Amino acid sequence: MVKEKVFYYSCSEMIILKQLLKEDMYGYQLGEVISEQSDGVFRMKAGVLYPILYKMEKAGYIEMKEVKTDTRRVRRYCHITEAGRSFYIRRLDKWHIFEKATNTLVG
């Protein structure tokens, strides 16, 4: 039996990249937007979100840039790279195949 965490984690990279295609975001903002847009289905807390972001940065899918705020806090904004865009497109193609097959079998 597939555990929900495994399914959730496997979708996380695509969900994050899709948001970063729209605009650069810092981690907390990214988590809030994802939670809001999914009506709370995907709640990415720091303990889940940041390891995924660091893994994606290491893979070259995103770049992190430090920006100082008005309150002198430093936020690390995530920016999708060309490699990240290519990865997203390839993964999205596979997702559509998976989605179609799943709908045929389950729906």
Protein backbone atom coordinates (compact mmCIF):
# COMPACT_ATOMS: atom_id res chain seq x y z
CA MET A 1 0.00 0.00 0.00
CA VAL A 2 1.30 3.46 -0.91
CA LYS A 3 1.55 5.78 2.05
CA GLU A 4 0.16 9.29 1.67
CA LYS A 5 3.54 10.84 2.53
CA VAL A 6 5.20 9.09 -0.42
CA PHE A 7 2.51 10.30 -2.83
CA TYR A 8 2.64 13.81 -1.35
CA TYR A 9 6.43 14.00 -1.57
CA SER A 10 6.50 12.77 -5.17
CA CYS A 11 4.26 15.67 -6.23
CA SER A 12 6.08 18.32 -4.20
CA GLU A 13 8.79 19.21 -6.71
CA MET A 14 6.25 19.78 -9.48
CA ILE A 15 4.03 21.86 -7.22
CA ILE A 16 6.96 24.03 -6.13
CA LEU A 17 8.30 24.49 -9.66
CA LYS A 18 4.85 25.43 -10.97
CA GLN A 19 4.63 28.22 -8.39
CA LEU A 20 8.14 29.44 -9.24
CA LEU A 21 7.23 29.61 -12.92
CA LYS A 22 4.81 32.37 -11.91
CA GLU A 23 7.21 34.36 -9.72
CA ASP A 24 10.23 34.11 -7.45
CA MET A 25 9.25 33.41 -3.83
CA TYR A 26 10.90 32.86 -0.48
CA GLY A 27 10.29 29.61 1.36
CA TYR A 28 7.60 30.67 3.83
CA GLN A 29 5.72 32.52 1.10
CA LEU A 30 5.90 29.46 -1.14
CA GLY A 31 4.45 27.25 1.59
CA GLU A 32 1.61 29.69 2.24
CA VAL A 33 0.72 30.07 -1.45
CA ILE A 34 0.70 26.31 -1.97
CA SER A 35 -1.48 25.75 1.08
CA GLU A 36 -3.88 28.51 0.07
CA GLN A 37 -4.20 27.44 -3.56
CA SER A 38 -4.77 23.79 -2.61
CA ASP A 39 -7.38 24.67 0.03
CA GLY A 40 -5.06 23.28 2.69
CA VAL A 41 -4.56 19.87 1.07
CA PHE A 42 -0.84 20.57 0.61
CA ARG A 43 0.58 22.11 3.77
CA MET A 44 4.31 22.39 3.37
CA LYS A 45 5.82 23.18 6.73
CA ALA A 46 9.45 24.22 7.01
CA GLY A 47 10.61 20.72 7.98
CA VAL A 48 9.28 19.35 4.69
CA LEU A 49 9.66 22.34 2.37
CA TYR A 50 13.25 23.39 3.02
CA PRO A 51 14.87 19.97 2.49
CA ILE A 52 13.04 19.76 -0.85
CA LEU A 53 14.22 23.25 -1.80
CA TYR A 54 17.83 22.43 -0.89
CA LYS A 55 17.64 19.20 -2.91
CA MET A 56 16.26 21.13 -5.89
CA GLU A 57 18.98 23.76 -5.54
CA LYS A 58 21.65 21.05 -5.47
CA ALA A 59 20.11 19.49 -8.61
CA GLY A 60 20.27 22.88 -10.34
CA TYR A 61 16.48 23.28 -10.70
CA ILE A 62 16.35 26.43 -8.60
CA GLU A 63 18.73 29.13 -7.44
CA MET A 64 18.50 30.85 -4.08
CA LYS A 65 19.23 34.54 -3.74
CA GLU A 66 19.48 36.39 -0.43
CA VAL A 67 17.54 39.64 -0.24
CA LYS A 68 17.42 42.01 2.74
CA THR A 69 13.98 43.23 3.75
CA ASP A 70 12.98 46.59 5.24
CA THR A 71 13.29 45.07 8.70
CA ARG A 72 16.85 43.94 7.92
CA ARG A 73 15.81 40.32 7.78
CA VAL A 74 17.35 38.26 5.04
CA ARG A 75 15.05 36.17 2.90
CA ARG A 76 16.24 33.53 0.46
CA TYR A 77 14.21 33.88 -2.71
CA CYS A 78 13.90 30.87 -4.99
CA HIS A 79 14.22 31.30 -8.73
CA ILE A 80 13.57 28.53 -11.25
CA THR A 81 16.45 27.84 -13.64
CA GLU A 82 16.32 26.66 -17.24
CA ALA A 83 17.16 23.18 -15.97
CA GLY A 84 14.22 23.47 -13.59
CA ARG A 85 11.91 24.52 -16.42
CA SER A 86 13.04 21.54 -18.52
CA PHE A 87 12.61 19.18 -15.58
CA TYR A 88 9.12 20.54 -14.94
CA ILE A 89 8.07 20.08 -18.57
CA ARG A 90 9.40 16.50 -18.70
CA ARG A 91 7.79 15.64 -15.38
CA LEU A 92 4.50 17.25 -16.43
CA ASP A 93 4.40 15.11 -19.58
CA LYS A 94 4.85 11.99 -17.41
CA TRP A 95 2.22 13.31 -14.99
CA HIS A 96 -0.36 13.57 -17.78
CA ILE A 97 0.33 9.96 -18.82
CA PHE A 98 0.02 8.83 -15.20
CA GLU A 99 -3.13 10.89 -14.67
CA LYS A 100 -4.81 9.45 -17.79
CA ALA A 101 -3.98 5.87 -16.83
CA THR A 102 -5.12 6.40 -13.26
CA ASN A 103 -8.41 7.97 -14.36
CA THR A 104 -9.00 5.03 -16.68
CA LEU A 105 -8.41 2.51 -13.90
CA VAL A 106 -9.98 4.36 -10.98
CA GLY A 107 -12.35 6.96 -12.41
